[in-house]
Amino acid sequence: MANEKILLVDDEENLLMLYKQELLDEGYQVVTAGDAREGIEKIKSEELDVVIMDIRMPAMDGLEAIGKILGLKKDIPIILNTAYSTYKEDFMSWAADAYVVKSSDLTQLKITIRNVLDKKKSPS
């Protein structure tokens, strides 16, 4: 059973709750944040294994937040999870460990989380 701790950062509360429940069902510990600033505060105060972050959020977007997160903890894997595939072209998104387009089916996200966590455990 997985016991890793995931931070979910998204301004869509319904989505946050859906994702949280699905990931809890997978055996992960889940911490949530409703925006990037709150997410950064949680990164400062919690031991986390991976961050899943939306890009389009009010006040500070996910790409700006990546820079701040990497400044705090450069070894924490970040998965960008967004409804917009166009951000893949933005070089700031390249700092993320993975990029998943949002879907109501979380299979791809779950696979990506597992891959990122496995990679973190066995650095090549």
PDB file of N, CA and C in Angstrom:
ATOM      1  N   MET A   1       0.848  -1.204   0.000  1.00  0.00           N
ATOM      2  CA  MET A   1       0.000   0.000   0.000  1.00  0.00           C
ATOM      3  C   MET A   1       0.879   1.249   0.000  1.00  0.00           C
ATOM      4  N   ALA A   2       0.546   2.176  -0.837  1.00  0.00           N
ATOM      5  CA  ALA A   2       1.305   3.427  -0.920  1.00  0.00           C
ATOM      6  C   ALA A   2       1.113   4.220   0.369  1.00  0.00           C
ATOM      7  N   ASN A   3       2.126   4.942   0.765  1.00  0.00           N
ATOM      8  CA  ASN A   3       1.974   5.788   1.937  1.00  0.00           C
ATOM      9  C   ASN A   3       2.569   7.161   1.676  1.00  0.00           C
ATOM     10  N   GLU A   4       2.854   7.436   0.416  1.00  0.00           N
ATOM     11  CA  GLU A   4       3.450   8.720   0.069  1.00  0.00           C
ATOM     12  C   GLU A   4       2.435   9.843   0.263  1.00  0.00           C
ATOM     13  N   LYS A   5       2.983  11.036   0.519  1.00  0.00           N
ATOM     14  CA  LYS A   5       2.122  12.197   0.736  1.00  0.00           C
ATOM     15  C   LYS A   5       2.144  13.094  -0.502  1.00  0.00           C
ATOM     16  N   ILE A   6       0.955  13.385  -1.003  1.00  0.00           N
ATOM     17  CA  ILE A   6       0.776  14.191  -2.211  1.00  0.00           C
ATOM     18  C   ILE A   6       0.126  15.518  -1.853  1.00  0.00           C
ATOM     19  N   LEU A   7       0.632  16.591  -2.450  1.00  0.00           N
ATOM     20  CA  LEU A   7      -0.021  17.898  -2.337  1.00  0.00           C
ATOM     21  C   LEU A   7      -0.758  18.167  -3.637  1.00  0.00           C
ATOM     22  N   LEU A   8      -2.060  18.401  -3.534  1.00  0.00           N
ATOM     23  CA  LEU A   8      -2.890  18.770  -4.690  1.00  0.00           C
ATOM     24  C   LEU A   8      -3.148  20.266  -4.630  1.00  0.00           C
ATOM     25  N   VAL A   9      -2.810  20.987  -5.693  1.00  0.00           N
ATOM     26  CA  VAL A   9      -3.042  22.431  -5.740  1.00  0.00           C
ATOM     27  C   VAL A   9      -3.950  22.740  -6.921  1.00  0.00           C
ATOM     28  N   ASP A  10      -5.167  23.199  -6.640  1.00  0.00           N
ATOM     29  CA  ASP A  10      -6.123  23.531  -7.701  1.00  0.00           C
ATOM     30  C   ASP A  10      -7.167  24.479  -7.130  1.00  0.00           C
ATOM     31  N   ASP A  11      -7.587  25.451  -7.923  1.00  0.00           N
ATOM     32  CA  ASP A  11      -8.584  26.403  -7.435  1.00  0.00           C
ATOM     33  C   ASP A  11     -10.017  25.917  -7.651  1.00  0.00           C
ATOM     34  N   GLU A  12     -10.195  24.791  -8.336  1.00  0.00           N
ATOM     35  CA  GLU A  12     -11.531  24.220  -8.530  1.00  0.00           C
ATOM     36  C   GLU A  12     -11.808  23.234  -7.398  1.00  0.00           C
ATOM     37  N   GLU A  13     -12.637  23.672  -6.444  1.00  0.00           N
ATOM     38  CA  GLU A  13     -12.865  22.885  -5.228  1.00  0.00           C
ATOM     39  C   GLU A  13     -13.450  21.499  -5.506  1.00  0.00           C
ATOM     40  N   ASN A  14     -14.392  21.410  -6.450  1.00  0.00           N
ATOM     41  CA  ASN A  14     -15.004  20.114  -6.756  1.00  0.00           C
ATOM     42  C   ASN A  14     -13.969  19.128  -7.285  1.00  0.00           C
ATOM     43  N   LEU A  15     -13.093  19.623  -8.144  1.00  0.00           N
ATOM     44  CA  LEU A  15     -12.032  18.803  -8.713  1.00  0.00           C
ATOM     45  C   LEU A  15     -11.061  18.352  -7.624  1.00  0.00           C
ATOM     46  N   LEU A  16     -10.732  19.284  -6.742  1.00  0.00           N
ATOM     47  CA  LEU A  16      -9.831  18.985  -5.629  1.00  0.00           C
ATOM     48  C   LEU A  16     -10.382  17.840  -4.791  1.00  0.00           C
ATOM     49  N   MET A  17     -11.689  17.893  -4.498  1.00  0.00           N
ATOM     50  CA  MET A  17     -12.320  16.850  -3.676  1.00  0.00           C
ATOM     51  C   MET A  17     -12.347  15.501  -4.411  1.00  0.00           C
ATOM     52  N   LEU A  18     -12.658  15.531  -5.714  1.00  0.00           N
ATOM     53  CA  LEU A  18     -12.678  14.305  -6.521  1.00  0.00           C
ATOM     54  C   LEU A  18     -11.289  13.666  -6.536  1.00  0.00           C
ATOM     55  N   TYR A  19     -10.277  14.471  -6.858  1.00  0.00           N
ATOM     56  CA  TYR A  19      -8.907  13.969  -6.931  1.00  0.00           C
ATOM     57  C   TYR A  19      -8.458  13.448  -5.569  1.00  0.00           C
ATOM     58  N   LYS A  20      -8.770  14.200  -4.524  1.00  0.00           N
ATOM     59  CA  LYS A  20      -8.360  13.801  -3.175  1.00  0.00           C
ATOM     60  C   LYS A  20      -8.934  12.423  -2.843  1.00  0.00           C
ATOM     61  N   GLN A  21     -10.230  12.235  -3.094  1.00  0.00           N
ATOM     62  CA  GLN A  21     -10.869  10.966  -2.763  1.00  0.00           C
ATOM     63  C   GLN A  21     -10.262   9.812  -3.569  1.00  0.00           C
ATOM     64  N   GLU A  22     -10.062  10.053  -4.856  1.00  0.00           N
ATOM     65  CA  GLU A  22      -9.476   9.008  -5.718  1.00  0.00           C
ATOM     66  C   GLU A  22      -8.074   8.614  -5.233  1.00  0.00           C
ATOM     67  N   LEU A  23      -7.285   9.609  -4.833  1.00  0.00           N
ATOM     68  CA  LEU A  23      -5.912   9.328  -4.397  1.00  0.00           C
ATOM     69  C   LEU A  23      -5.879   8.713  -3.004  1.00  0.00           C
ATOM     70  N   LEU A  24      -6.823   9.103  -2.146  1.00  0.00           N
ATOM     71  CA  LEU A  24      -6.945   8.449  -0.834  1.00  0.00           C
ATOM     72  C   LEU A  24      -7.284   6.976  -1.033  1.00  0.00           C
ATOM     73  N   ASP A  25      -8.183   6.704  -1.996  1.00  0.00           N
ATOM     74  CA  ASP A  25      -8.566   5.322  -2.302  1.00  0.00           C
ATOM     75  C   ASP A  25      -7.365   4.503  -2.795  1.00  0.00           C
ATOM     76  N   GLU A  26      -6.388   5.186  -3.407  1.00  0.00           N
ATOM     77  CA  GLU A  26      -5.171   4.521  -3.881  1.00  0.00           C
ATOM     78  C   GLU A  26      -4.180   4.282  -2.739  1.00  0.00           C
ATOM     79  N   GLY A  27      -4.470   4.850  -1.569  1.00  0.00           N
ATOM     80  CA  GLY A  27      -3.598   4.649  -0.411  1.00  0.00           C
ATOM     81  C   GLY A  27      -2.625   5.777  -0.130  1.00  0.00           C
ATOM     82  N   TYR A  28      -2.729   6.868  -0.877  1.00  0.00           N
ATOM     83  CA  TYR A  28      -1.852   8.019  -0.634  1.00  0.00           C
ATOM     84  C   TYR A  28      -2.392   8.872   0.506  1.00  0.00           C
ATOM     85  N   GLN A  29      -1.491   9.581   1.171  1.00  0.00           N
ATOM     86  CA  GLN A  29      -1.903  10.664   2.062  1.00  0.00           C
ATOM     87  C   GLN A  29      -2.060  11.883   1.161  1.00  0.00           C
ATOM     88  N   VAL A  30      -3.109  12.684   1.369  1.00  0.00           N
ATOM     89  CA  VAL A  30      -3.359  13.808   0.470  1.00  0.00           C
ATOM     90  C   VAL A  30      -3.562  15.094   1.257  1.00  0.00           C
ATOM     91  N   VAL A  31      -2.815  16.121   0.864  1.00  0.00           N
ATOM     92  CA  VAL A  31      -2.934  17.467   1.408  1.00  0.00           C
ATOM     93  C   VAL A  31      -3.424  18.328   0.247  1.00  0.00           C
ATOM     94  N   THR A  32      -4.355  19.259   0.516  1.00  0.00           N
ATOM     95  CA  THR A  32      -4.861  20.096  -0.570  1.00  0.00           C
ATOM     96  C   THR A  32      -4.599  21.579  -0.315  1.00  0.00           C
ATOM     97  N   ALA A  33      -4.550  22.323  -1.415  1.00  0.00           N
ATOM     98  CA  ALA A  33      -4.417  23.778  -1.359  1.00  0.00           C
ATOM     99  C   ALA A  33      -5.273  24.365  -2.475  1.00  0.00           C
ATOM    100  N   GLY A  34      -5.989  25.432  -2.174  1.00  0.00           N
ATOM    101  CA  GLY A  34      -6.904  26.048  -3.125  1.00  0.00           C
ATOM    102  C   GLY A  34      -6.255  27.037  -4.075  1.00  0.00           C
ATOM    103  N   ASP A  35      -4.977  27.348  -3.843  1.00  0.00           N
ATOM    104  CA  ASP A  35      -4.251  28.221  -4.775  1.00  0.00           C
ATOM    105  C   ASP A  35      -2.749  28.027  -4.573  1.00  0.00           C
ATOM    106  N   ALA A  36      -1.976  28.632  -5.451  1.00  0.00           N
ATOM    107  CA  ALA A  36      -0.527  28.424  -5.449  1.00  0.00           C
ATOM    108  C   ALA A  36       0.129  28.936  -4.164  1.00  0.00           C
ATOM    109  N   ARG A  37      -0.328  30.080  -3.660  1.00  0.00           N
ATOM    110  CA  ARG A  37       0.287  30.627  -2.433  1.00  0.00           C
ATOM    111  C   ARG A  37       0.089  29.680  -1.255  1.00  0.00           C
ATOM    112  N   GLU A  38      -1.121  29.160  -1.122  1.00  0.00           N
ATOM    113  CA  GLU A  38      -1.405  28.194  -0.058  1.00  0.00           C
ATOM    114  C   GLU A  38      -0.554  26.933  -0.256  1.00  0.00           C
ATOM    115  N   GLY A  39      -0.420  26.517  -1.509  1.00  0.00           N
ATOM    116  CA  GLY A  39       0.405  25.352  -1.819  1.00  0.00           C
ATOM    117  C   GLY A  39       1.848  25.544  -1.391  1.00  0.00           C
ATOM    118  N   ILE A  40       2.395  26.714  -1.661  1.00  0.00           N
ATOM    119  CA  ILE A  40       3.780  27.018  -1.282  1.00  0.00           C
ATOM    120  C   ILE A  40       3.932  26.985   0.239  1.00  0.00           C
ATOM    121  N   GLU A  41       2.947  27.512   0.967  1.00  0.00           N
ATOM    122  CA  GLU A  41       2.989  27.460   2.436  1.00  0.00           C
ATOM    123  C   GLU A  41       3.008  26.009   2.921  1.00  0.00           C
ATOM    124  N   LYS A  42       2.214  25.148   2.285  1.00  0.00           N
ATOM    125  CA  LYS A  42       2.173  23.734   2.692  1.00  0.00           C
ATOM    126  C   LYS A  42       3.499  23.052   2.378  1.00  0.00           C
ATOM    127  N   ILE A  43       4.140  23.438   1.278  1.00  0.00           N
ATOM    128  CA  ILE A  43       5.440  22.865   0.916  1.00  0.00           C
ATOM    129  C   ILE A  43       6.481  23.231   1.982  1.00  0.00           C
ATOM    130  N   LYS A  44       6.356  24.440   2.534  1.00  0.00           N
ATOM    131  CA  LYS A  44       7.285  24.870   3.588  1.00  0.00           C
ATOM    132  C   LYS A  44       7.074  24.076   4.871  1.00  0.00           C
ATOM    133  N   SER A  45       5.829  23.683   5.155  1.00  0.00           N
ATOM    134  CA  SER A  45       5.515  23.106   6.467  1.00  0.00           C
ATOM    135  C   SER A  45       5.322  21.589   6.483  1.00  0.00           C
ATOM    136  N   GLU A  46       5.227  20.953   5.319  1.00  0.00           N
ATOM    137  CA  GLU A  46       4.940  19.515   5.276  1.00  0.00           C
ATOM    138  C   GLU A  46       6.054  18.762   4.556  1.00  0.00           C
ATOM    139  N   GLU A  47       6.231  17.505   4.936  1.00  0.00           N
ATOM    140  CA  GLU A  47       7.124  16.616   4.187  1.00  0.00           C
ATOM    141  C   GLU A  47       6.282  15.981   3.088  1.00  0.00           C
ATOM    142  N   LEU A  48       6.552  16.331   1.858  1.00  0.00           N
ATOM    143  CA  LEU A  48       5.746  15.869   0.732  1.00  0.00           C
ATOM    144  C   LEU A  48       6.591  15.040  -0.229  1.00  0.00           C
ATOM    145  N   ASP A  49       5.913  14.108  -0.917  1.00  0.00           N
ATOM    146  CA  ASP A  49       6.616  13.269  -1.884  1.00  0.00           C
ATOM    147  C   ASP A  49       6.417  13.743  -3.314  1.00  0.00           C
ATOM    148  N   VAL A  50       5.297  14.408  -3.583  1.00  0.00           N
ATOM    149  CA  VAL A  50       5.023  14.896  -4.937  1.00  0.00           C
ATOM    150  C   VAL A  50       3.980  16.013  -4.862  1.00  0.00           C
ATOM    151  N   VAL A  51       4.072  16.948  -5.815  1.00  0.00           N
ATOM    152  CA  VAL A  51       3.110  18.048  -5.918  1.00  0.00           C
ATOM    153  C   VAL A  51       2.382  17.913  -7.257  1.00  0.00           C
ATOM    154  N   ILE A  52       1.056  17.976  -7.202  1.00  0.00           N
ATOM    155  CA  ILE A  52       0.241  17.991  -8.420  1.00  0.00           C
ATOM    156  C   ILE A  52      -0.403  19.365  -8.477  1.00  0.00           C
ATOM    157  N   MET A  53      -0.107  20.113  -9.545  1.00  0.00           N
ATOM    158  CA  MET A  53      -0.519  21.509  -9.587  1.00  0.00           C
ATOM    159  C   MET A  53      -1.203  21.886 -10.886  1.00  0.00           C
ATOM    160  N   ASP A  54      -2.297  22.625 -10.729  1.00  0.00           N
ATOM    161  CA  ASP A  54      -2.975  23.224 -11.869  1.00  0.00           C
ATOM    162  C   ASP A  54      -2.110  24.393 -12.350  1.00  0.00           C
ATOM    163  N   ILE A  55      -2.285  24.810 -13.591  1.00  0.00           N
ATOM    164  CA  ILE A  55      -1.534  25.966 -14.083  1.00  0.00           C
ATOM    165  C   ILE A  55      -2.355  27.245 -13.942  1.00  0.00           C
ATOM    166  N   ARG A  56      -3.593  27.221 -14.435  1.00  0.00           N
ATOM    167  CA  ARG A  56      -4.387  28.455 -14.432  1.00  0.00           C
ATOM    168  C   ARG A  56      -5.114  28.630 -13.111  1.00  0.00           C
ATOM    169  N   MET A  57      -4.575  29.526 -12.285  1.00  0.00           N
ATOM    170  CA  MET A  57      -5.178  29.844 -10.992  1.00  0.00           C
ATOM    171  C   MET A  57      -5.066  31.347 -10.773  1.00  0.00           C
ATOM    172  N   PRO A  58      -5.975  31.900  -9.971  1.00  0.00           N
ATOM    173  CA  PRO A  58      -5.907  33.343  -9.700  1.00  0.00           C
ATOM    174  C   PRO A  58      -4.673  33.697  -8.857  1.00  0.00           C
ATOM    175  N   ALA A  59      -4.278  34.927  -8.901  1.00  0.00           N
ATOM    176  CA  ALA A  59      -3.161  35.499  -8.125  1.00  0.00           C
ATOM    177  C   ALA A  59      -1.796  35.024  -8.627  1.00  0.00           C
ATOM    178  N   MET A  60      -1.524  33.720  -8.524  1.00  0.00           N
ATOM    179  CA  MET A  60      -0.240  33.191  -8.996  1.00  0.00           C
ATOM    180  C   MET A  60      -0.525  31.913  -9.766  1.00  0.00           C
ATOM    181  N   ASP A  61      -0.005  31.828 -10.993  1.00  0.00           N
ATOM    182  CA  ASP A  61      -0.279  30.605 -11.751  1.00  0.00           C
ATOM    183  C   ASP A  61       0.739  29.517 -11.398  1.00  0.00           C
ATOM    184  N   GLY A  62       0.458  28.313 -11.877  1.00  0.00           N
ATOM    185  CA  GLY A  62       1.287  27.172 -11.546  1.00  0.00           C
ATOM    186  C   GLY A  62       2.715  27.277 -12.048  1.00  0.00           C
ATOM    187  N   LEU A  63       2.904  27.940 -13.192  1.00  0.00           N
ATOM    188  CA  LEU A  63       4.258  28.068 -13.743  1.00  0.00           C
ATOM    189  C   LEU A  63       5.116  28.972 -12.863  1.00  0.00           C
ATOM    190  N   GLU A  64       4.518  30.068 -12.388  1.00  0.00           N
ATOM    191  CA  GLU A  64       5.237  30.962 -11.470  1.00  0.00           C
ATOM    192  C   GLU A  64       5.540  30.215 -10.162  1.00  0.00           C
ATOM    193  N   ALA A  65       4.574  29.422  -9.711  1.00  0.00           N
ATOM    194  CA  ALA A  65       4.735  28.675  -8.459  1.00  0.00           C
ATOM    195  C   ALA A  65       5.859  27.646  -8.554  1.00  0.00           C
ATOM    196  N   ILE A  66       6.032  27.032  -9.735  1.00  0.00           N
ATOM    197  CA  ILE A  66       7.116  26.046  -9.905  1.00  0.00           C
ATOM    198  C   ILE A  66       8.464  26.669  -9.540  1.00  0.00           C
ATOM    199  N   GLY A  67       8.699  27.871 -10.022  1.00  0.00           N
ATOM    200  CA  GLY A  67       9.962  28.555  -9.719  1.00  0.00           C
ATOM    201  C   GLY A  67      10.153  28.730  -8.228  1.00  0.00           C
ATOM    202  N   LYS A  68       9.097  29.115  -7.533  1.00  0.00           N
ATOM    203  CA  LYS A  68       9.176  29.317  -6.085  1.00  0.00           C
ATOM    204  C   LYS A  68       9.357  27.990  -5.343  1.00  0.00           C
ATOM    205  N   ILE A  69       8.654  26.958  -5.805  1.00  0.00           N
ATOM    206  CA  ILE A  69       8.758  25.637  -5.162  1.00  0.00           C
ATOM    207  C   ILE A  69      10.176  25.093  -5.314  1.00  0.00           C
ATOM    208  N   LEU A  70      10.721  25.173  -6.521  1.00  0.00           N
ATOM    209  CA  LEU A  70      12.069  24.657  -6.766  1.00  0.00           C
ATOM    210  C   LEU A  70      13.110  25.445  -5.976  1.00  0.00           C
ATOM    211  N   GLY A  71      12.793  26.712  -5.679  1.00  0.00           N
ATOM    212  CA  GLY A  71      13.673  27.519  -4.833  1.00  0.00           C
ATOM    213  C   GLY A  71      13.664  27.030  -3.386  1.00  0.00           C
ATOM    214  N   LEU A  72      12.548  26.448  -2.962  1.00  0.00           N
ATOM    215  CA  LEU A  72      12.417  25.938  -1.592  1.00  0.00           C
ATOM    216  C   LEU A  72      12.941  24.509  -1.472  1.00  0.00           C
ATOM    217  N   LYS A  73      12.475  23.643  -2.373  1.00  0.00           N
ATOM    218  CA  LYS A  73      12.828  22.216  -2.324  1.00  0.00           C
ATOM    219  C   LYS A  73      13.023  21.724  -3.747  1.00  0.00           C
ATOM    220  N   LYS A  74      14.240  21.805  -4.215  1.00  0.00           N
ATOM    221  CA  LYS A  74      14.500  21.502  -5.624  1.00  0.00           C
ATOM    222  C   LYS A  74      14.317  20.031  -5.987  1.00  0.00           C
ATOM    223  N   ASP A  75      14.258  19.154  -4.972  1.00  0.00           N
ATOM    224  CA  ASP A  75      14.153  17.729  -5.275  1.00  0.00           C
ATOM    225  C   ASP A  75      12.725  17.198  -5.246  1.00  0.00           C
ATOM    226  N   ILE A  76      11.732  18.064  -5.017  1.00  0.00           N
ATOM    227  CA  ILE A  76      10.351  17.580  -4.954  1.00  0.00           C
ATOM    228  C   ILE A  76       9.777  17.463  -6.371  1.00  0.00           C
ATOM    229  N   PRO A  77       9.267  16.286  -6.745  1.00  0.00           N
ATOM    230  CA  PRO A  77       8.690  16.130  -8.081  1.00  0.00           C
ATOM    231  C   PRO A  77       7.397  16.935  -8.223  1.00  0.00           C
ATOM    232  N   ILE A  78       7.230  17.556  -9.375  1.00  0.00           N
ATOM    233  CA  ILE A  78       6.031  18.351  -9.652  1.00  0.00           C
ATOM    234  C   ILE A  78       5.359  17.811 -10.907  1.00  0.00           C
ATOM    235  N   ILE A  79       4.062  17.551 -10.791  1.00  0.00           N
ATOM    236  CA  ILE A  79       3.268  17.141 -11.948  1.00  0.00           C
ATOM    237  C   ILE A  79       2.308  18.276 -12.249  1.00  0.00           C
ATOM    238  N   LEU A  80       2.411  18.834 -13.437  1.00  0.00           N
ATOM    239  CA  LEU A  80       1.439  19.847 -13.860  1.00  0.00           C
ATOM    240  C   LEU A  80       0.204  19.113 -14.357  1.00  0.00           C
ATOM    241  N   ASN A  81      -0.951  19.551 -13.873  1.00  0.00           N
ATOM    242  CA  ASN A  81      -2.216  18.912 -14.228  1.00  0.00           C
ATOM    243  C   ASN A  81      -3.147  20.030 -14.676  1.00  0.00           C
ATOM    244  N   THR A  82      -3.359  20.143 -15.969  1.00  0.00           N
ATOM    245  CA  THR A  82      -4.098  21.279 -16.485  1.00  0.00           C
ATOM    246  C   THR A  82      -5.047  20.869 -17.599  1.00  0.00           C
ATOM    247  N   ALA A  83      -6.063  21.670 -17.798  1.00  0.00           N
ATOM    248  CA  ALA A  83      -7.021  21.415 -18.876  1.00  0.00           C
ATOM    249  C   ALA A  83      -6.457  21.865 -20.225  1.00  0.00           C
ATOM    250  N   TYR A  84      -5.334  22.572 -20.203  1.00  0.00           N
ATOM    251  CA  TYR A  84      -4.805  23.185 -21.427  1.00  0.00           C
ATOM    252  C   TYR A  84      -3.498  22.545 -21.868  1.00  0.00           C
ATOM    253  N   SER A  85      -3.530  21.823 -22.970  1.00  0.00           N
ATOM    254  CA  SER A  85      -2.313  21.178 -23.461  1.00  0.00           C
ATOM    255  C   SER A  85      -1.329  22.196 -24.042  1.00  0.00           C
ATOM    256  N   THR A  86      -1.794  23.416 -24.336  1.00  0.00           N
ATOM    257  CA  THR A  86      -0.935  24.428 -24.959  1.00  0.00           C
ATOM    258  C   THR A  86       0.238  24.828 -24.071  1.00  0.00           C
ATOM    259  N   TYR A  87       0.106  24.671 -22.759  1.00  0.00           N
ATOM    260  CA  TYR A  87       1.201  25.062 -21.863  1.00  0.00           C
ATOM    261  C   TYR A  87       2.425  24.171 -21.993  1.00  0.00           C
ATOM    262  N   LYS A  88       2.266  23.011 -22.619  1.00  0.00           N
ATOM    263  CA  LYS A  88       3.416  22.126 -22.818  1.00  0.00           C
ATOM    264  C   LYS A  88       4.537  22.841 -23.569  1.00  0.00           C
ATOM    265  N   GLU A  89       4.153  23.823 -24.398  1.00  0.00           N
ATOM    266  CA  GLU A  89       5.139  24.556 -25.197  1.00  0.00           C
ATOM    267  C   GLU A  89       5.893  25.595 -24.366  1.00  0.00           C
ATOM    268  N   ASP A  90       5.363  25.964 -23.196  1.00  0.00           N
ATOM    269  CA  ASP A  90       5.978  26.984 -22.360  1.00  0.00           C
ATOM    270  C   ASP A  90       7.201  26.381 -21.662  1.00  0.00           C
ATOM    271  N   PHE A  91       8.351  27.013 -21.850  1.00  0.00           N
ATOM    272  CA  PHE A  91       9.572  26.404 -21.301  1.00  0.00           C
ATOM    273  C   PHE A  91       9.524  26.279 -19.784  1.00  0.00           C
ATOM    274  N   MET A  92       8.734  27.104 -19.080  1.00  0.00           N
ATOM    275  CA  MET A  92       8.639  26.977 -17.624  1.00  0.00           C
ATOM    276  C   MET A  92       8.013  25.633 -17.247  1.00  0.00           C
ATOM    277  N   SER A  93       7.126  25.116 -18.095  1.00  0.00           N
ATOM    278  CA  SER A  93       6.502  23.828 -17.787  1.00  0.00           C
ATOM    279  C   SER A  93       7.524  22.697 -17.862  1.00  0.00           C
ATOM    280  N   TRP A  94       8.651  22.932 -18.553  1.00  0.00           N
ATOM    281  CA  TRP A  94       9.676  21.904 -18.667  1.00  0.00           C
ATOM    282  C   TRP A  94      10.350  21.636 -17.325  1.00  0.00           C
ATOM    283  N   ALA A  95      10.231  22.564 -16.378  1.00  0.00           N
ATOM    284  CA  ALA A  95      10.816  22.372 -15.052  1.00  0.00           C
ATOM    285  C   ALA A  95      10.035  21.325 -14.260  1.00  0.00           C
ATOM    286  N   ALA A  96       8.800  21.066 -14.691  1.00  0.00           N
ATOM    287  CA  ALA A  96       7.993  20.047 -14.023  1.00  0.00           C
ATOM    288  C   ALA A  96       8.494  18.659 -14.411  1.00  0.00           C
ATOM    289  N   ASP A  97       8.228  17.692 -13.559  1.00  0.00           N
ATOM    290  CA  ASP A  97       8.650  16.322 -13.835  1.00  0.00           C
ATOM    291  C   ASP A  97       7.707  15.633 -14.814  1.00  0.00           C
ATOM    292  N   ALA A  98       6.461  16.101 -14.859  1.00  0.00           N
ATOM    293  CA  ALA A  98       5.478  15.499 -15.764  1.00  0.00           C
ATOM    294  C   ALA A  98       4.372  16.504 -16.041  1.00  0.00           C
ATOM    295  N   TYR A  99       3.619  16.215 -17.091  1.00  0.00           N
ATOM    296  CA  TYR A  99       2.559  17.116 -17.555  1.00  0.00           C
ATOM    297  C   TYR A  99       1.375  16.242 -17.948  1.00  0.00           C
ATOM    298  N   VAL A 100       0.243  16.420 -17.270  1.00  0.00           N
ATOM    299  CA  VAL A 100      -0.934  15.603 -17.545  1.00  0.00           C
ATOM    300  C   VAL A 100      -2.106  16.533 -17.860  1.00  0.00           C
ATOM    301  N   VAL A 101      -2.805  16.249 -18.938  1.00  0.00           N
ATOM    302  CA  VAL A 101      -3.998  17.035 -19.272  1.00  0.00           C
ATOM    303  C   VAL A 101      -5.164  16.478 -18.439  1.00  0.00           C
ATOM    304  N   LYS A 102      -5.887  17.392 -17.787  1.00  0.00           N
ATOM    305  CA  LYS A 102      -6.985  16.999 -16.899  1.00  0.00           C
ATOM    306  C   LYS A 102      -8.021  16.160 -17.617  1.00  0.00           C
ATOM    307  N   SER A 103      -8.560  15.206 -16.868  1.00  0.00           N
ATOM    308  CA  SER A 103      -9.591  14.320 -17.385  1.00  0.00           C
ATOM    309  C   SER A 103     -10.418  13.838 -16.203  1.00  0.00           C
ATOM    310  N   SER A 104     -11.663  13.473 -16.454  1.00  0.00           N
ATOM    311  CA  SER A 104     -12.476  12.919 -15.376  1.00  0.00           C
ATOM    312  C   SER A 104     -12.015  11.501 -15.048  1.00  0.00           C
ATOM    313  N   ASP A 105     -11.270  10.898 -15.988  1.00  0.00           N
ATOM    314  CA  ASP A 105     -10.671   9.586 -15.759  1.00  0.00           C
ATOM    315  C   ASP A 105      -9.245   9.828 -15.249  1.00  0.00           C
ATOM    316  N   LEU A 106      -8.987   9.445 -14.016  1.00  0.00           N
ATOM    317  CA  LEU A 106      -7.697   9.753 -13.401  1.00  0.00           C
ATOM    318  C   LEU A 106      -6.627   8.680 -13.644  1.00  0.00           C
ATOM    319  N   THR A 107      -6.900   7.746 -14.530  1.00  0.00           N
ATOM    320  CA  THR A 107      -5.947   6.666 -14.789  1.00  0.00           C
ATOM    321  C   THR A 107      -4.575   7.204 -15.178  1.00  0.00           C
ATOM    322  N   GLN A 108      -4.533   8.122 -16.140  1.00  0.00           N
ATOM    323  CA  GLN A 108      -3.244   8.656 -16.608  1.00  0.00           C
ATOM    324  C   GLN A 108      -2.518   9.390 -15.480  1.00  0.00           C
ATOM    325  N   LEU A 109      -3.256  10.153 -14.685  1.00  0.00           N
ATOM    326  CA  LEU A 109      -2.636  10.866 -13.571  1.00  0.00           C
ATOM    327  C   LEU A 109      -2.059   9.877 -12.552  1.00  0.00           C
ATOM    328  N   LYS A 110      -2.806   8.837 -12.244  1.00  0.00           N
ATOM    329  CA  LYS A 110      -2.341   7.838 -11.270  1.00  0.00           C
ATOM    330  C   LYS A 110      -1.082   7.129 -11.765  1.00  0.00           C
ATOM    331  N   ILE A 111      -1.049   6.801 -13.044  1.00  0.00           N
ATOM    332  CA  ILE A 111       0.135   6.167 -13.638  1.00  0.00           C
ATOM    333  C   ILE A 111       1.329   7.120 -13.550  1.00  0.00           C
ATOM    334  N   THR A 112       1.076   8.390 -13.855  1.00  0.00           N
ATOM    335  CA  THR A 112       2.143   9.399 -13.824  1.00  0.00           C
ATOM    336  C   THR A 112       2.677   9.575 -12.403  1.00  0.00           C
ATOM    337  N   ILE A 113       1.798   9.613 -11.419  1.00  0.00           N
ATOM    338  CA  ILE A 113       2.223   9.738 -10.019  1.00  0.00           C
ATOM    339  C   ILE A 113       3.136   8.562  -9.660  1.00  0.00           C
ATOM    340  N   ARG A 114       2.697   7.357  -9.991  1.00  0.00           N
ATOM    341  CA  ARG A 114       3.467   6.163  -9.677  1.00  0.00           C
ATOM    342  C   ARG A 114       4.854   6.229 -10.333  1.00  0.00           C
ATOM    343  N   ASN A 115       4.879   6.601 -11.622  1.00  0.00           N
ATOM    344  CA  ASN A 115       6.148   6.690 -12.357  1.00  0.00           C
ATOM    345  C   ASN A 115       7.086   7.713 -11.729  1.00  0.00           C
ATOM    346  N   VAL A 116       6.552   8.880 -11.372  1.00  0.00           N
ATOM    347  CA  VAL A 116       7.369   9.942 -10.779  1.00  0.00           C
ATOM    348  C   VAL A 116       7.908   9.500  -9.415  1.00  0.00           C
ATOM    349  N   LEU A 117       7.066   8.851  -8.625  1.00  0.00           N
ATOM    350  CA  LEU A 117       7.509   8.379  -7.306  1.00  0.00           C
ATOM    351  C   LEU A 117       8.538   7.258  -7.427  1.00  0.00           C
ATOM    352  N   ASP A 118       8.335   6.360  -8.375  1.00  0.00           N
ATOM    353  CA  ASP A 118       9.303   5.275  -8.586  1.00  0.00           C
ATOM    354  C   ASP A 118      10.657   5.835  -9.022  1.00  0.00           C
ATOM    355  N   LYS A 119      10.612   6.845  -9.895  1.00  0.00           N
ATOM    356  CA  LYS A 119      11.833   7.477 -10.386  1.00  0.00           C
ATOM    357  C   LYS A 119      12.568   8.179  -9.242  1.00  0.00           C
ATOM    358  N   LYS A 120      11.800   8.801  -8.349  1.00  0.00           N
ATOM    359  CA  LYS A 120      12.386   9.512  -7.209  1.00  0.00           C
ATOM    360  C   LYS A 120      13.097   8.512  -6.282  1.00  0.00           C
ATOM    361  N   LYS A 121      12.529   7.317  -6.111  1.00  0.00           N
ATOM    362  CA  LYS A 121      13.106   6.292  -5.239  1.00  0.00           C
ATOM    363  C   LYS A 121      14.391   5.714  -5.804  1.00  0.00           C
ATOM    364  N   SER A 122      14.444   5.575  -7.131  1.00  0.00           N
ATOM    365  CA  SER A 122      15.636   4.976  -7.744  1.00  0.00           C
ATOM    366  C   SER A 122      16.224   5.912  -8.786  1.00  0.00           C
ATOM    367  N   PRO A 123      16.923   6.965  -8.320  1.00  0.00           N
ATOM    368  CA  PRO A 123      17.505   7.909  -9.283  1.00  0.00           C
ATOM    369  C   PRO A 123      18.550   7.212 -10.159  1.00  0.00           C
ATOM    370  N   SER A 124      18.496   7.526 -11.440  1.00  0.00           N
ATOM    371  CA  SER A 124      19.431   6.855 -12.350  1.00  0.00           C
ATOM    372  C   SER A 124      20.754   7.567 -12.403  1.00  0.00           C
TER     373      SER A 124
END
